[in-house]
Amino acid sequence: MMDDDLPETVKKCLDVLEENIEILANLELDLEDEKEDELTPDMELHQLYDMTEDVAESSRLKRAESNFVRRQTEDSL
């Protein structure tokens, strides 16, 4: 391999790494979501509303965490 090919090879490796990190993060989030998927019978409307807010907040936190990890990984490379 020529020295001129090295930057392109590094870029390809970084692209593959970035793809895999996102896939693994999504898998982790999916597995965590499965743990949280539990039906509770006979819920009141206000309980459903509160649960909806909790799910939305949890989703935002997970997305923020995933983005933070991605940025840290990009910065360390």
C-alpha atoms as a PDB file:
ATOM      1  CA  MET A   1       0.000   0.000   0.000  1.00  0.00           C
ATOM      2  CA  MET A   2       1.304   3.452  -0.861  1.00  0.00           C
ATOM      3  CA  ASP A   3       1.492   6.256   1.688  1.00  0.00           C
ATOM      4  CA  ASP A   4      -1.039   8.224  -0.367  1.00  0.00           C
ATOM      5  CA  ASP A   5      -3.623   5.489   0.260  1.00  0.00           C
ATOM      6  CA  LEU A   6      -3.279   5.693   4.035  1.00  0.00           C
ATOM      7  CA  PRO A   7      -5.614   8.678   4.640  1.00  0.00           C
ATOM      8  CA  GLU A   8      -8.332   7.039   2.541  1.00  0.00           C
ATOM      9  CA  THR A   9      -7.898   3.747   4.395  1.00  0.00           C
ATOM     10  CA  VAL A  10      -8.114   5.521   7.753  1.00  0.00           C
ATOM     11  CA  LYS A  11     -11.235   7.353   6.602  1.00  0.00           C
ATOM     12  CA  LYS A  12     -12.841   4.046   5.569  1.00  0.00           C
ATOM     13  CA  CYS A  13     -11.975   2.512   8.943  1.00  0.00           C
ATOM     14  CA  LEU A  14     -13.477   5.497  10.764  1.00  0.00           C
ATOM     15  CA  ASP A  15     -16.633   5.230   8.653  1.00  0.00           C
ATOM     16  CA  VAL A  16     -17.008   1.534   9.490  1.00  0.00           C
ATOM     17  CA  LEU A  17     -16.377   2.243  13.169  1.00  0.00           C
ATOM     18  CA  GLU A  18     -18.955   5.022  13.202  1.00  0.00           C
ATOM     19  CA  GLU A  19     -21.544   2.753  11.542  1.00  0.00           C
ATOM     20  CA  ASN A  20     -20.927  -0.036  14.018  1.00  0.00           C
ATOM     21  CA  ILE A  21     -21.050   2.220  17.063  1.00  0.00           C
ATOM     22  CA  GLU A  22     -24.445   3.508  16.007  1.00  0.00           C
ATOM     23  CA  ILE A  23     -25.722  -0.019  15.333  1.00  0.00           C
ATOM     24  CA  LEU A  24     -24.475  -1.255  18.715  1.00  0.00           C
ATOM     25  CA  ALA A  25     -25.948   1.763  20.501  1.00  0.00           C
ATOM     26  CA  ASN A  26     -29.290   1.158  18.783  1.00  0.00           C
ATOM     27  CA  LEU A  27     -29.201  -2.520  19.754  1.00  0.00           C
ATOM     28  CA  GLU A  28     -28.487  -1.562  23.346  1.00  0.00           C
ATOM     29  CA  LEU A  29     -31.383   0.894  23.342  1.00  0.00           C
ATOM     30  CA  ASP A  30     -33.700  -1.722  21.809  1.00  0.00           C
ATOM     31  CA  LEU A  31     -32.750  -4.265  24.461  1.00  0.00           C
ATOM     32  CA  GLU A  32     -33.341  -1.732  27.231  1.00  0.00           C
ATOM     33  CA  ASP A  33     -36.696  -0.810  25.681  1.00  0.00           C
ATOM     34  CA  GLU A  34     -37.719  -4.470  25.657  1.00  0.00           C
ATOM     35  CA  LYS A  35     -37.035  -4.682  29.380  1.00  0.00           C
ATOM     36  CA  GLU A  36     -39.282  -1.677  29.942  1.00  0.00           C
ATOM     37  CA  ASP A  37     -42.136  -2.952  27.760  1.00  0.00           C
ATOM     38  CA  GLU A  38     -44.597  -4.181  30.315  1.00  0.00           C
ATOM     39  CA  LEU A  39     -48.363  -3.944  30.156  1.00  0.00           C
ATOM     40  CA  THR A  40     -50.208  -2.763  33.233  1.00  0.00           C
ATOM     41  CA  PRO A  41     -53.940  -3.399  33.141  1.00  0.00           C
ATOM     42  CA  ASP A  42     -56.590  -0.986  34.432  1.00  0.00           C
ATOM     43  CA  MET A  43     -54.533   2.212  34.288  1.00  0.00           C
ATOM     44  CA  GLU A  44     -56.174   5.569  34.825  1.00  0.00           C
ATOM     45  CA  LEU A  45     -55.892   8.281  32.161  1.00  0.00           C
ATOM     46  CA  HIS A  46     -53.571  10.423  34.291  1.00  0.00           C
ATOM     47  CA  GLN A  47     -51.290   7.402  34.781  1.00  0.00           C
ATOM     48  CA  LEU A  48     -51.121   6.868  31.018  1.00  0.00           C
ATOM     49  CA  TYR A  49     -50.335  10.566  30.532  1.00  0.00           C
ATOM     50  CA  ASP A  50     -47.537  10.412  33.138  1.00  0.00           C
ATOM     51  CA  MET A  51     -46.174   7.254  31.556  1.00  0.00           C
ATOM     52  CA  THR A  52     -46.167   8.916  28.125  1.00  0.00           C
ATOM     53  CA  GLU A  53     -44.182  11.837  29.509  1.00  0.00           C
ATOM     54  CA  ASP A  54     -41.723   9.431  31.161  1.00  0.00           C
ATOM     55  CA  VAL A  55     -41.217   7.513  27.914  1.00  0.00           C
ATOM     56  CA  ALA A  56     -40.623  10.721  25.952  1.00  0.00           C
ATOM     57  CA  GLU A  57     -38.115  11.953  28.539  1.00  0.00           C
ATOM     58  CA  SER A  58     -36.346   8.594  28.607  1.00  0.00           C
ATOM     59  CA  SER A  59     -36.128   8.587  24.820  1.00  0.00           C
ATOM     60  CA  ARG A  60     -34.596  12.078  24.795  1.00  0.00           C
ATOM     61  CA  LEU A  61     -32.060  11.076  27.460  1.00  0.00           C
ATOM     62  CA  LYS A  62     -31.066   7.921  25.567  1.00  0.00           C
ATOM     63  CA  ARG A  63     -30.679   9.887  22.339  1.00  0.00           C
ATOM     64  CA  ALA A  64     -28.555  12.503  24.107  1.00  0.00           C
ATOM     65  CA  GLU A  65     -26.406   9.777  25.673  1.00  0.00           C
ATOM     66  CA  SER A  66     -25.937   8.073  22.314  1.00  0.00           C
ATOM     67  CA  ASN A  67     -24.964  11.368  20.658  1.00  0.00           C
ATOM     68  CA  PHE A  68     -22.542  12.139  23.499  1.00  0.00           C
ATOM     69  CA  VAL A  69     -20.823   8.749  23.141  1.00  0.00           C
ATOM     70  CA  ARG A  70     -20.612   9.204  19.372  1.00  0.00           C
ATOM     71  CA  ARG A  71     -19.001  12.647  19.770  1.00  0.00           C
ATOM     72  CA  GLN A  72     -16.535  11.323  22.339  1.00  0.00           C
ATOM     73  CA  THR A  73     -15.568   8.515  19.996  1.00  0.00           C
ATOM     74  CA  GLU A  74     -15.108  10.918  17.090  1.00  0.00           C
ATOM     75  CA  ASP A  75     -12.994  13.248  19.236  1.00  0.00           C
ATOM     76  CA  SER A  76     -10.742  10.448  20.453  1.00  0.00           C
ATOM     77  CA  LEU A  77      -9.972   9.331  16.907  1.00  0.00           C
END
